[in-house]
Amino acid sequence: MIDSHRIRVLCVDDHPLMREGIAAMIKNEPDMLMVAEASSGHDAILSYREHRPDITLMDLRLPDIGGIDALIAIRAEFPNARVIMLTTFEGDVEIQRSLEAGAQGYMLKSMPRKRLVEMIRKVHAGKKQIPPEIAAHLAEHMGEETLSKREIEVLQQVAGGNRNSDIATLLFISEETVKGHIKHIMEKLGAADRTEAVAIGIRRGIIHL
């Protein structure tokens, strides 16, 4: 098959083993070609500019800027970029953010490789691909009230082990305001206490440790 007819793939992941595994998988597909690899968000943007791949496989968590920010930067410059997010996390908030940022596919790294190959072909054909188990995960939280930017900041500080007085000092707000934010966070997340709120926040990808 002539190279010009192959699906040209850029793989972005900070784990060499993951990149090697994907490269080996792509090599076995006669209609695909790995044109470049990148290990950070900034490298991803530069590699995209240089190679203009048909499909970019983007790790959600990268050492410099996150995969979603790299996706936003690439699509700001190349609106037709087709990006599939790869992650080990099932957090519905991150899935939602990825899709809103323009990702055409979302894939868990634990899923069989065969499904990734199928997804690459479908996204290349112009389809949006979200595996059923991820779609179900998204639907579970549809219509729920989301945390505000400030509430996310407060929850992140709670996760860091800070007391209300510490959080008030760090965020330049009163302790009463912090208490109010924590009350709203717990209500929105359906948490019984601060510890459960943090656990839910991490699981859903609202905050990161």
N, C-alpha and C. Protein backbone atom coordinates (compact mmCIF):
# COMPACT_ATOMS: atom_id res chain seq x y z
N MET A 1 0.84 -1.21 0.00
CA MET A 1 0.00 0.00 0.00
C MET A 1 0.88 1.26 0.00
N ILE A 2 0.52 2.22 -0.83
CA ILE A 2 1.31 3.45 -0.93
C ILE A 2 1.14 4.27 0.34
N ASP A 3 2.27 4.85 0.80
CA ASP A 3 2.25 5.60 2.05
C ASP A 3 1.18 6.69 2.09
N SER A 4 0.94 7.34 0.96
CA SER A 4 -0.02 8.45 0.94
C SER A 4 -1.43 7.99 1.27
N HIS A 5 -1.68 6.67 1.13
CA HIS A 5 -3.00 6.15 1.44
C HIS A 5 -3.09 5.61 2.86
N ARG A 6 -1.99 5.62 3.55
CA ARG A 6 -2.01 5.11 4.92
C ARG A 6 -2.50 6.18 5.89
N ILE A 7 -3.03 5.73 7.01
CA ILE A 7 -3.44 6.66 8.07
C ILE A 7 -2.18 7.00 8.86
N ARG A 8 -1.80 8.26 8.82
CA ARG A 8 -0.56 8.70 9.47
C ARG A 8 -0.84 9.06 10.93
N VAL A 9 -0.12 8.40 11.84
CA VAL A 9 -0.42 8.51 13.27
C VAL A 9 0.72 9.16 14.06
N LEU A 10 0.35 10.07 14.96
CA LEU A 10 1.29 10.65 15.94
C LEU A 10 0.88 10.10 17.30
N CYS A 11 1.85 9.56 18.04
CA CYS A 11 1.55 9.02 19.37
C CYS A 11 2.20 9.88 20.45
N VAL A 12 1.38 10.36 21.38
CA VAL A 12 1.88 11.22 22.47
C VAL A 12 1.65 10.51 23.80
N ASP A 13 2.76 10.13 24.46
CA ASP A 13 2.67 9.47 25.76
C ASP A 13 4.02 9.60 26.45
N ASP A 14 4.01 9.84 27.76
CA ASP A 14 5.29 10.02 28.44
C ASP A 14 5.90 8.69 28.91
N HIS A 15 5.21 7.57 28.65
CA HIS A 15 5.76 6.27 29.01
C HIS A 15 6.32 5.58 27.77
N PRO A 16 7.64 5.38 27.72
CA PRO A 16 8.26 4.75 26.55
C PRO A 16 7.64 3.40 26.19
N LEU A 17 7.31 2.59 27.21
CA LEU A 17 6.73 1.26 26.93
C LEU A 17 5.39 1.37 26.23
N MET A 18 4.60 2.36 26.63
CA MET A 18 3.29 2.56 26.00
C MET A 18 3.48 2.96 24.53
N ARG A 19 4.42 3.89 24.29
CA ARG A 19 4.69 4.33 22.91
C ARG A 19 5.19 3.16 22.06
N GLU A 20 6.08 2.35 22.64
CA GLU A 20 6.62 1.20 21.91
C GLU A 20 5.51 0.21 21.56
N GLY A 21 4.64 -0.02 22.52
CA GLY A 21 3.51 -0.94 22.29
C GLY A 21 2.60 -0.47 21.18
N ILE A 22 2.29 0.82 21.19
CA ILE A 22 1.41 1.39 20.15
C ILE A 22 2.12 1.37 18.80
N ALA A 23 3.43 1.71 18.79
CA ALA A 23 4.21 1.71 17.55
C ALA A 23 4.22 0.31 16.93
N ALA A 24 4.39 -0.72 17.76
CA ALA A 24 4.40 -2.10 17.28
C ALA A 24 3.04 -2.48 16.69
N MET A 25 1.99 -2.01 17.38
CA MET A 25 0.63 -2.31 16.92
C MET A 25 0.35 -1.65 15.56
N ILE A 26 0.75 -0.38 15.43
CA ILE A 26 0.54 0.37 14.18
C ILE A 26 1.32 -0.28 13.03
N LYS A 27 2.53 -0.73 13.34
CA LYS A 27 3.41 -1.35 12.34
C LYS A 27 2.75 -2.59 11.72
N ASN A 28 1.94 -3.27 12.52
CA ASN A 28 1.27 -4.49 12.04
C ASN A 28 0.05 -4.22 11.17
N GLU A 29 -0.35 -2.96 11.09
CA GLU A 29 -1.54 -2.62 10.29
C GLU A 29 -1.10 -2.08 8.93
N PRO A 30 -1.45 -2.76 7.84
CA PRO A 30 -0.98 -2.33 6.52
C PRO A 30 -1.48 -0.95 6.08
N ASP A 31 -2.59 -0.50 6.69
CA ASP A 31 -3.15 0.80 6.28
C ASP A 31 -2.76 1.94 7.22
N MET A 32 -1.78 1.68 8.12
CA MET A 32 -1.37 2.73 9.08
C MET A 32 0.13 2.92 9.08
N LEU A 33 0.54 4.13 9.49
CA LEU A 33 1.96 4.45 9.55
C LEU A 33 2.21 5.39 10.74
N MET A 34 3.14 5.01 11.61
CA MET A 34 3.51 5.89 12.73
C MET A 34 4.50 6.92 12.21
N VAL A 35 4.11 8.19 12.20
CA VAL A 35 5.00 9.22 11.64
C VAL A 35 5.85 9.91 12.69
N ALA A 36 5.39 9.90 13.96
CA ALA A 36 6.17 10.56 15.01
C ALA A 36 5.66 10.14 16.39
N GLU A 37 6.55 10.32 17.38
CA GLU A 37 6.19 10.08 18.78
C GLU A 37 6.58 11.32 19.58
N ALA A 38 5.85 11.59 20.65
CA ALA A 38 6.18 12.72 21.52
C ALA A 38 5.93 12.30 22.96
N SER A 39 6.72 12.86 23.89
CA SER A 39 6.59 12.44 25.29
C SER A 39 6.06 13.55 26.19
N SER A 40 5.72 14.72 25.59
CA SER A 40 5.17 15.82 26.39
C SER A 40 4.18 16.61 25.54
N GLY A 41 3.41 17.47 26.22
CA GLY A 41 2.43 18.29 25.51
C GLY A 41 3.06 19.25 24.53
N HIS A 42 4.16 19.89 24.96
CA HIS A 42 4.85 20.84 24.07
C HIS A 42 5.42 20.13 22.84
N ASP A 43 6.00 18.94 23.07
CA ASP A 43 6.53 18.15 21.94
C ASP A 43 5.40 17.75 21.00
N ALA A 44 4.24 17.46 21.58
CA ALA A 44 3.09 17.06 20.76
C ALA A 44 2.70 18.17 19.79
N ILE A 45 2.67 19.40 20.29
CA ILE A 45 2.29 20.55 19.45
C ILE A 45 3.32 20.73 18.32
N LEU A 46 4.61 20.66 18.67
CA LEU A 46 5.68 20.80 17.67
C LEU A 46 5.64 19.67 16.64
N SER A 47 5.43 18.44 17.13
CA SER A 47 5.37 17.28 16.22
C SER A 47 4.17 17.38 15.29
N TYR A 48 3.05 17.88 15.83
CA TYR A 48 1.86 18.01 14.98
C TYR A 48 2.14 19.01 13.84
N ARG A 49 2.74 20.14 14.22
CA ARG A 49 3.07 21.17 13.20
C ARG A 49 3.96 20.59 12.10
N GLU A 50 4.94 19.81 12.53
CA GLU A 50 5.92 19.28 11.58
C GLU A 50 5.35 18.18 10.69
N HIS A 51 4.57 17.26 11.27
CA HIS A 51 4.14 16.07 10.52
C HIS A 51 2.71 16.11 10.01
N ARG A 52 1.86 16.96 10.60
CA ARG A 52 0.44 17.03 10.21
C ARG A 52 -0.18 15.63 10.09
N PRO A 53 -0.18 14.87 11.17
CA PRO A 53 -0.72 13.50 11.10
C PRO A 53 -2.23 13.48 10.85
N ASP A 54 -2.72 12.34 10.39
CA ASP A 54 -4.17 12.18 10.20
C ASP A 54 -4.85 11.98 11.55
N ILE A 55 -4.17 11.23 12.43
CA ILE A 55 -4.72 10.92 13.75
C ILE A 55 -3.64 11.13 14.81
N THR A 56 -4.01 11.77 15.91
CA THR A 56 -3.10 11.92 17.05
C THR A 56 -3.66 11.14 18.23
N LEU A 57 -2.84 10.25 18.79
CA LEU A 57 -3.22 9.53 20.01
C LEU A 57 -2.60 10.30 21.17
N MET A 58 -3.41 10.89 22.01
CA MET A 58 -2.94 11.82 23.04
C MET A 58 -3.19 11.29 24.45
N ASP A 59 -2.12 11.11 25.21
CA ASP A 59 -2.25 10.71 26.61
C ASP A 59 -2.87 11.88 27.38
N LEU A 60 -3.78 11.57 28.28
CA LEU A 60 -4.46 12.62 29.05
C LEU A 60 -3.51 13.30 30.04
N ARG A 61 -2.66 12.51 30.68
CA ARG A 61 -1.75 13.06 31.70
C ARG A 61 -0.33 13.12 31.15
N LEU A 62 0.18 14.31 31.00
CA LEU A 62 1.55 14.51 30.48
C LEU A 62 2.35 15.32 31.49
N PRO A 63 3.69 15.22 31.44
CA PRO A 63 4.51 15.85 32.48
C PRO A 63 4.52 17.38 32.49
N ASP A 64 4.25 18.01 31.34
CA ASP A 64 4.29 19.49 31.32
C ASP A 64 2.88 20.06 31.30
N ILE A 65 2.32 20.20 30.10
CA ILE A 65 0.92 20.63 30.03
C ILE A 65 0.09 19.36 29.82
N GLY A 66 -1.14 19.35 30.29
CA GLY A 66 -1.97 18.16 30.16
C GLY A 66 -2.37 17.90 28.72
N GLY A 67 -2.83 16.68 28.49
CA GLY A 67 -3.25 16.29 27.14
C GLY A 67 -4.39 17.15 26.61
N ILE A 68 -5.30 17.55 27.51
CA ILE A 68 -6.43 18.38 27.06
C ILE A 68 -5.93 19.76 26.60
N ASP A 69 -4.97 20.33 27.35
CA ASP A 69 -4.42 21.64 26.95
C ASP A 69 -3.65 21.54 25.63
N ALA A 70 -2.94 20.42 25.45
CA ALA A 70 -2.21 20.20 24.18
C ALA A 70 -3.21 20.06 23.03
N LEU A 71 -4.32 19.35 23.29
CA LEU A 71 -5.38 19.18 22.30
C LEU A 71 -5.97 20.54 21.91
N ILE A 72 -6.25 21.38 22.91
CA ILE A 72 -6.82 22.72 22.66
C ILE A 72 -5.85 23.55 21.81
N ALA A 73 -4.55 23.50 22.16
CA ALA A 73 -3.53 24.27 21.42
C ALA A 73 -3.44 23.80 19.97
N ILE A 74 -3.44 22.49 19.77
CA ILE A 74 -3.34 21.94 18.40
C ILE A 74 -4.57 22.33 17.58
N ARG A 75 -5.75 22.18 18.18
CA ARG A 75 -6.97 22.49 17.42
C ARG A 75 -7.18 23.98 17.19
N ALA A 76 -6.55 24.81 18.03
CA ALA A 76 -6.63 26.27 17.80
C ALA A 76 -5.88 26.62 16.51
N GLU A 77 -4.81 25.88 16.27
CA GLU A 77 -3.97 26.12 15.08
C GLU A 77 -4.45 25.30 13.88
N PHE A 78 -4.91 24.08 14.16
CA PHE A 78 -5.37 23.16 13.11
C PHE A 78 -6.75 22.64 13.48
N PRO A 79 -7.80 23.39 13.14
CA PRO A 79 -9.16 23.05 13.58
C PRO A 79 -9.63 21.66 13.14
N ASN A 80 -9.04 21.12 12.08
CA ASN A 80 -9.48 19.81 11.59
C ASN A 80 -8.70 18.64 12.20
N ALA A 81 -7.83 18.93 13.16
CA ALA A 81 -7.03 17.87 13.79
C ALA A 81 -7.95 16.82 14.41
N ARG A 82 -7.61 15.56 14.16
CA ARG A 82 -8.41 14.46 14.72
C ARG A 82 -7.60 13.81 15.84
N VAL A 83 -8.12 13.95 17.05
CA VAL A 83 -7.38 13.50 18.23
C VAL A 83 -8.19 12.47 19.02
N ILE A 84 -7.51 11.38 19.39
CA ILE A 84 -8.11 10.36 20.26
C ILE A 84 -7.37 10.45 21.60
N MET A 85 -8.11 10.65 22.68
CA MET A 85 -7.50 10.72 24.01
C MET A 85 -7.32 9.31 24.56
N LEU A 86 -6.13 9.05 25.12
CA LEU A 86 -5.84 7.76 25.74
C LEU A 86 -5.59 7.99 27.23
N THR A 87 -6.19 7.18 28.06
CA THR A 87 -6.00 7.39 29.49
C THR A 87 -6.21 6.11 30.30
N THR A 88 -5.68 6.11 31.50
CA THR A 88 -5.94 5.00 32.43
C THR A 88 -7.09 5.40 33.36
N PHE A 89 -7.56 6.66 33.23
CA PHE A 89 -8.57 7.18 34.16
C PHE A 89 -9.96 7.20 33.54
N GLU A 90 -10.95 6.92 34.37
CA GLU A 90 -12.34 6.91 33.88
C GLU A 90 -13.13 8.12 34.37
N GLY A 91 -12.45 9.15 34.85
CA GLY A 91 -13.14 10.32 35.39
C GLY A 91 -14.04 11.00 34.38
N ASP A 92 -15.34 11.07 34.69
CA ASP A 92 -16.30 11.63 33.73
C ASP A 92 -16.04 13.10 33.42
N VAL A 93 -15.49 13.84 34.39
CA VAL A 93 -15.23 15.27 34.18
C VAL A 93 -14.16 15.46 33.10
N GLU A 94 -13.13 14.61 33.15
CA GLU A 94 -12.06 14.70 32.15
C GLU A 94 -12.54 14.25 30.76
N ILE A 95 -13.41 13.24 30.75
CA ILE A 95 -13.96 12.78 29.47
C ILE A 95 -14.75 13.94 28.85
N GLN A 96 -15.61 14.57 29.67
CA GLN A 96 -16.43 15.69 29.21
C GLN A 96 -15.56 16.83 28.69
N ARG A 97 -14.51 17.18 29.45
CA ARG A 97 -13.60 18.26 29.04
C ARG A 97 -12.90 17.94 27.71
N SER A 98 -12.50 16.69 27.56
CA SER A 98 -11.83 16.26 26.32
C SER A 98 -12.75 16.43 25.12
N LEU A 99 -13.98 15.98 25.29
CA LEU A 99 -14.94 16.04 24.18
C LEU A 99 -15.30 17.49 23.86
N GLU A 100 -15.45 18.30 24.89
CA GLU A 100 -15.75 19.72 24.68
C GLU A 100 -14.58 20.42 23.96
N ALA A 101 -13.36 19.95 24.24
CA ALA A 101 -12.17 20.55 23.62
C ALA A 101 -11.98 20.08 22.18
N GLY A 102 -12.79 19.10 21.76
CA GLY A 102 -12.75 18.67 20.36
C GLY A 102 -12.17 17.30 20.09
N ALA A 103 -11.96 16.49 21.14
CA ALA A 103 -11.47 15.13 20.91
C ALA A 103 -12.53 14.33 20.15
N GLN A 104 -12.08 13.53 19.18
CA GLN A 104 -13.04 12.72 18.41
C GLN A 104 -13.18 11.31 18.97
N GLY A 105 -12.29 10.95 19.87
CA GLY A 105 -12.37 9.61 20.44
C GLY A 105 -11.80 9.61 21.85
N TYR A 106 -12.21 8.63 22.63
CA TYR A 106 -11.72 8.52 24.01
C TYR A 106 -11.55 7.05 24.30
N MET A 107 -10.36 6.67 24.73
CA MET A 107 -10.04 5.25 24.88
C MET A 107 -9.30 5.00 26.19
N LEU A 108 -9.73 3.98 26.92
CA LEU A 108 -9.00 3.59 28.12
C LEU A 108 -7.84 2.68 27.71
N LYS A 109 -6.67 2.89 28.33
CA LYS A 109 -5.49 2.10 27.98
C LYS A 109 -5.68 0.61 28.30
N SER A 110 -6.63 0.32 29.17
CA SER A 110 -6.86 -1.08 29.55
C SER A 110 -7.69 -1.83 28.51
N MET A 111 -8.24 -1.10 27.52
CA MET A 111 -9.07 -1.75 26.51
C MET A 111 -8.19 -2.51 25.51
N PRO A 112 -8.73 -3.55 24.87
CA PRO A 112 -7.92 -4.33 23.92
C PRO A 112 -7.38 -3.48 22.78
N ARG A 113 -6.16 -3.79 22.35
CA ARG A 113 -5.51 -3.02 21.27
C ARG A 113 -6.36 -3.01 20.00
N LYS A 114 -7.03 -4.13 19.74
CA LYS A 114 -7.85 -4.26 18.54
C LYS A 114 -8.89 -3.13 18.47
N ARG A 115 -9.41 -2.76 19.63
CA ARG A 115 -10.42 -1.70 19.66
C ARG A 115 -9.80 -0.35 19.31
N LEU A 116 -8.55 -0.15 19.71
CA LEU A 116 -7.88 1.11 19.38
C LEU A 116 -7.67 1.23 17.87
N VAL A 117 -7.26 0.13 17.23
CA VAL A 117 -7.06 0.11 15.78
C VAL A 117 -8.38 0.43 15.07
N GLU A 118 -9.46 -0.17 15.54
CA GLU A 118 -10.79 0.09 14.95
C GLU A 118 -11.17 1.56 15.14
N MET A 119 -10.87 2.09 16.33
CA MET A 119 -11.21 3.49 16.62
C MET A 119 -10.43 4.44 15.71
N ILE A 120 -9.15 4.15 15.48
CA ILE A 120 -8.33 4.99 14.59
C ILE A 120 -8.97 5.05 13.21
N ARG A 121 -9.40 3.90 12.70
CA ARG A 121 -10.01 3.87 11.36
C ARG A 121 -11.33 4.65 11.33
N LYS A 122 -12.14 4.48 12.36
CA LYS A 122 -13.44 5.16 12.38
C LYS A 122 -13.29 6.67 12.52
N VAL A 123 -12.38 7.11 13.40
CA VAL A 123 -12.16 8.55 13.58
C VAL A 123 -11.57 9.15 12.30
N HIS A 124 -10.70 8.39 11.65
CA HIS A 124 -10.13 8.85 10.37
C HIS A 124 -11.24 9.01 9.32
N ALA A 125 -12.26 8.17 9.43
CA ALA A 125 -13.39 8.24 8.48
C ALA A 125 -14.38 9.35 8.85
N GLY A 126 -14.07 10.09 9.94
CA GLY A 126 -14.89 11.24 10.31
C GLY A 126 -15.92 10.96 11.38
N LYS A 127 -15.85 9.78 12.01
CA LYS A 127 -16.82 9.46 13.06
C LYS A 127 -16.26 9.79 14.43
N LYS A 128 -17.17 10.05 15.38
CA LYS A 128 -16.77 10.27 16.77
C LYS A 128 -16.91 8.93 17.48
N GLN A 129 -15.93 8.57 18.29
CA GLN A 129 -15.94 7.25 18.92
C GLN A 129 -15.79 7.32 20.44
N ILE A 130 -16.84 6.87 21.13
CA ILE A 130 -16.77 6.76 22.59
C ILE A 130 -17.24 5.36 22.94
N PRO A 131 -16.38 4.51 23.54
CA PRO A 131 -16.80 3.16 23.88
C PRO A 131 -18.03 3.18 24.79
N PRO A 132 -18.92 2.17 24.65
CA PRO A 132 -20.17 2.14 25.42
C PRO A 132 -19.98 2.29 26.92
N GLU A 133 -18.92 1.66 27.46
CA GLU A 133 -18.72 1.72 28.92
C GLU A 133 -18.38 3.14 29.37
N ILE A 134 -17.70 3.91 28.49
CA ILE A 134 -17.38 5.30 28.83
C ILE A 134 -18.63 6.17 28.67
N ALA A 135 -19.41 5.90 27.64
CA ALA A 135 -20.66 6.64 27.42
C ALA A 135 -21.60 6.46 28.62
N ALA A 136 -21.64 5.24 29.15
CA ALA A 136 -22.49 4.95 30.31
C ALA A 136 -22.00 5.72 31.54
N HIS A 137 -20.69 5.80 31.66
CA HIS A 137 -20.07 6.52 32.78
C HIS A 137 -20.42 8.02 32.70
N LEU A 138 -20.41 8.55 31.48
CA LEU A 138 -20.78 9.96 31.26
C LEU A 138 -22.25 10.20 31.61
N ALA A 139 -23.09 9.30 31.14
CA ALA A 139 -24.54 9.45 31.33
C ALA A 139 -24.92 9.46 32.81
N GLU A 140 -24.14 8.72 33.59
CA GLU A 140 -24.41 8.60 35.03
C GLU A 140 -24.46 9.97 35.74
N HIS A 141 -23.63 10.90 35.25
CA HIS A 141 -23.55 12.22 35.91
C HIS A 141 -24.19 13.35 35.08
N MET A 142 -24.91 12.97 34.04
CA MET A 142 -25.57 13.98 33.19
C MET A 142 -26.54 14.81 34.02
N GLY A 143 -26.54 16.11 33.82
CA GLY A 143 -27.50 16.97 34.50
C GLY A 143 -27.13 17.33 35.92
N GLU A 144 -26.05 16.74 36.44
CA GLU A 144 -25.63 17.11 37.80
C GLU A 144 -24.97 18.48 37.79
N GLU A 145 -25.11 19.17 38.90
CA GLU A 145 -24.50 20.50 39.01
C GLU A 145 -22.98 20.36 39.14
N THR A 146 -22.25 21.09 38.32
CA THR A 146 -20.78 20.98 38.36
C THR A 146 -20.19 21.93 39.41
N LEU A 147 -19.00 21.62 39.86
CA LEU A 147 -18.32 22.49 40.82
C LEU A 147 -17.80 23.73 40.11
N SER A 148 -17.86 24.87 40.80
CA SER A 148 -17.31 26.11 40.23
C SER A 148 -15.78 26.05 40.30
N LYS A 149 -15.13 26.97 39.62
CA LYS A 149 -13.67 27.02 39.60
C LYS A 149 -13.14 27.17 41.03
N ARG A 150 -13.77 28.03 41.79
CA ARG A 150 -13.34 28.27 43.18
C ARG A 150 -13.56 27.02 44.03
N GLU A 151 -14.68 26.34 43.83
CA GLU A 151 -14.94 25.11 44.60
C GLU A 151 -13.90 24.03 44.29
N ILE A 152 -13.49 23.96 43.04
CA ILE A 152 -12.45 22.99 42.66
C ILE A 152 -11.14 23.35 43.36
N GLU A 153 -10.82 24.64 43.41
CA GLU A 153 -9.60 25.10 44.11
C GLU A 153 -9.64 24.71 45.59
N VAL A 154 -10.81 24.92 46.21
CA VAL A 154 -10.97 24.58 47.63
C VAL A 154 -10.82 23.08 47.84
N LEU A 155 -11.46 22.28 46.98
CA LEU A 155 -11.39 20.82 47.10
C LEU A 155 -9.95 20.33 46.92
N GLN A 156 -9.24 20.95 46.00
CA GLN A 156 -7.82 20.60 45.77
C GLN A 156 -7.00 20.87 47.05
N GLN A 157 -7.30 21.97 47.71
CA GLN A 157 -6.60 22.32 48.95
C GLN A 157 -6.96 21.35 50.08
N VAL A 158 -8.23 20.94 50.13
CA VAL A 158 -8.67 19.96 51.13
C VAL A 158 -7.91 18.65 50.89
N ALA A 159 -7.79 18.26 49.62
CA ALA A 159 -7.07 17.02 49.26
C ALA A 159 -5.61 17.09 49.69
N GLY A 160 -5.07 18.31 49.73
CA GLY A 160 -3.68 18.51 50.14
C GLY A 160 -3.51 18.48 51.65
N GLY A 161 -4.60 18.22 52.37
CA GLY A 161 -4.53 18.10 53.83
C GLY A 161 -4.61 19.42 54.57
N ASN A 162 -5.03 20.48 53.88
CA ASN A 162 -5.12 21.79 54.52
C ASN A 162 -6.41 21.96 55.32
N ARG A 163 -6.28 22.66 56.45
CA ARG A 163 -7.47 22.97 57.27
C ARG A 163 -8.16 24.21 56.69
N ASN A 164 -9.37 24.48 57.16
CA ASN A 164 -10.11 25.64 56.66
C ASN A 164 -9.32 26.94 56.80
N SER A 165 -8.65 27.12 57.95
CA SER A 165 -7.90 28.35 58.17
C SER A 165 -6.74 28.48 57.17
N ASP A 166 -6.09 27.33 56.86
CA ASP A 166 -5.00 27.34 55.88
C ASP A 166 -5.52 27.71 54.49
N ILE A 167 -6.66 27.09 54.14
CA ILE A 167 -7.25 27.33 52.82
C ILE A 167 -7.64 28.80 52.68
N ALA A 168 -8.21 29.36 53.74
CA ALA A 168 -8.61 30.78 53.73
C ALA A 168 -7.39 31.66 53.44
N THR A 169 -6.28 31.37 54.12
CA THR A 169 -5.05 32.15 53.93
C THR A 169 -4.52 31.99 52.51
N LEU A 170 -4.46 30.74 52.03
CA LEU A 170 -3.90 30.45 50.70
C LEU A 170 -4.72 31.07 49.58
N LEU A 171 -6.06 31.09 49.73
CA LEU A 171 -6.92 31.59 48.65
C LEU A 171 -7.41 33.03 48.88
N PHE A 172 -6.91 33.64 49.97
CA PHE A 172 -7.28 35.04 50.28
C PHE A 172 -8.78 35.24 50.43
N ILE A 173 -9.41 34.30 51.15
CA ILE A 173 -10.84 34.41 51.44
C ILE A 173 -11.04 34.15 52.93
N SER A 174 -12.25 34.44 53.43
CA SER A 174 -12.47 34.23 54.87
C SER A 174 -12.74 32.75 55.16
N GLU A 175 -12.57 32.39 56.43
CA GLU A 175 -12.80 31.01 56.83
C GLU A 175 -14.27 30.63 56.64
N GLU A 176 -15.16 31.60 56.87
CA GLU A 176 -16.60 31.36 56.68
C GLU A 176 -16.90 31.01 55.22
N THR A 177 -16.22 31.72 54.31
CA THR A 177 -16.40 31.46 52.87
C THR A 177 -15.93 30.05 52.54
N VAL A 178 -14.81 29.65 53.13
CA VAL A 178 -14.28 28.30 52.90
C VAL A 178 -15.32 27.27 53.36
N LYS A 179 -15.89 27.48 54.55
CA LYS A 179 -16.90 26.55 55.08
C LYS A 179 -18.10 26.44 54.13
N GLY A 180 -18.50 27.60 53.60
CA GLY A 180 -19.63 27.64 52.65
C GLY A 180 -19.31 26.84 51.39
N HIS A 181 -18.09 27.02 50.88
CA HIS A 181 -17.67 26.29 49.67
C HIS A 181 -17.68 24.78 49.93
N ILE A 182 -17.14 24.38 51.09
CA ILE A 182 -17.06 22.94 51.40
C ILE A 182 -18.46 22.33 51.52
N LYS A 183 -19.38 23.10 52.12
CA LYS A 183 -20.78 22.64 52.24
C LYS A 183 -21.37 22.39 50.85
N HIS A 184 -21.16 23.37 49.92
CA HIS A 184 -21.68 23.23 48.56
C HIS A 184 -21.04 22.08 47.81
N ILE A 185 -19.73 21.92 48.01
CA ILE A 185 -18.99 20.82 47.34
C ILE A 185 -19.59 19.48 47.76
N MET A 186 -19.79 19.30 49.08
CA MET A 186 -20.33 18.05 49.59
C MET A 186 -21.74 17.79 49.06
N GLU A 187 -22.54 18.85 48.98
CA GLU A 187 -23.91 18.72 48.46
C GLU A 187 -23.89 18.30 46.98
N LYS A 188 -23.06 18.99 46.19
CA LYS A 188 -23.00 18.71 44.74
C LYS A 188 -22.46 17.31 44.45
N LEU A 189 -21.50 16.86 45.25
CA LEU A 189 -20.89 15.54 45.00
C LEU A 189 -21.61 14.41 45.72
N GLY A 190 -22.56 14.77 46.58
CA GLY A 190 -23.27 13.75 47.35
C GLY A 190 -22.36 13.07 48.35
N ALA A 191 -21.45 13.85 48.94
CA ALA A 191 -20.47 13.30 49.89
C ALA A 191 -20.92 13.54 51.33
N ALA A 192 -20.60 12.58 52.19
CA ALA A 192 -20.99 12.68 53.60
C ALA A 192 -20.02 13.55 54.39
N ASP A 193 -18.75 13.57 53.96
CA ASP A 193 -17.75 14.37 54.68
C ASP A 193 -16.63 14.79 53.73
N ARG A 194 -15.65 15.51 54.27
CA ARG A 194 -14.54 16.03 53.44
C ARG A 194 -13.76 14.91 52.76
N THR A 195 -13.49 13.84 53.51
CA THR A 195 -12.70 12.73 52.97
C THR A 195 -13.39 12.09 51.77
N GLU A 196 -14.70 11.90 51.89
CA GLU A 196 -15.45 11.30 50.79
C GLU A 196 -15.50 12.26 49.59
N ALA A 197 -15.62 13.55 49.88
CA ALA A 197 -15.63 14.56 48.80
C ALA A 197 -14.33 14.49 48.00
N VAL A 198 -13.21 14.37 48.70
CA VAL A 198 -11.89 14.26 48.04
C VAL A 198 -11.82 12.99 47.20
N ALA A 199 -12.28 11.86 47.79
CA ALA A 199 -12.25 10.58 47.07
C ALA A 199 -13.08 10.64 45.79
N ILE A 200 -14.27 11.24 45.86
CA ILE A 200 -15.14 11.38 44.68
C ILE A 200 -14.47 12.30 43.66
N GLY A 201 -13.91 13.41 44.16
CA GLY A 201 -13.24 14.38 43.28
C GLY A 201 -12.11 13.75 42.48
N ILE A 202 -11.33 12.88 43.15
CA ILE A 202 -10.21 12.21 42.47
C ILE A 202 -10.74 11.18 41.47
N ARG A 203 -11.71 10.39 41.91
CA ARG A 203 -12.25 9.34 41.04
C ARG A 203 -12.86 9.90 39.76
N ARG A 204 -13.54 11.05 39.90
CA ARG A 204 -14.20 11.63 38.73
C ARG A 204 -13.31 12.56 37.91
N GLY A 205 -12.07 12.72 38.36
CA GLY A 205 -11.14 13.56 37.59
C GLY A 205 -11.36 15.05 37.78
N ILE A 206 -12.05 15.43 38.87
CA ILE A 206 -12.28 16.87 39.15
C ILE A 206 -11.00 17.47 39.69
N ILE A 207 -10.30 16.71 40.54
CA ILE A 207 -9.01 17.16 41.09
C ILE A 207 -8.00 16.02 40.91
N HIS A 208 -6.72 16.37 41.03
CA HIS A 208 -5.64 15.37 40.92
C HIS A 208 -4.71 15.49 42.11
N LEU A 209 -4.21 14.38 42.55
CA LEU A 209 -3.23 14.40 43.66
C LEU A 209 -1.84 14.59 43.10
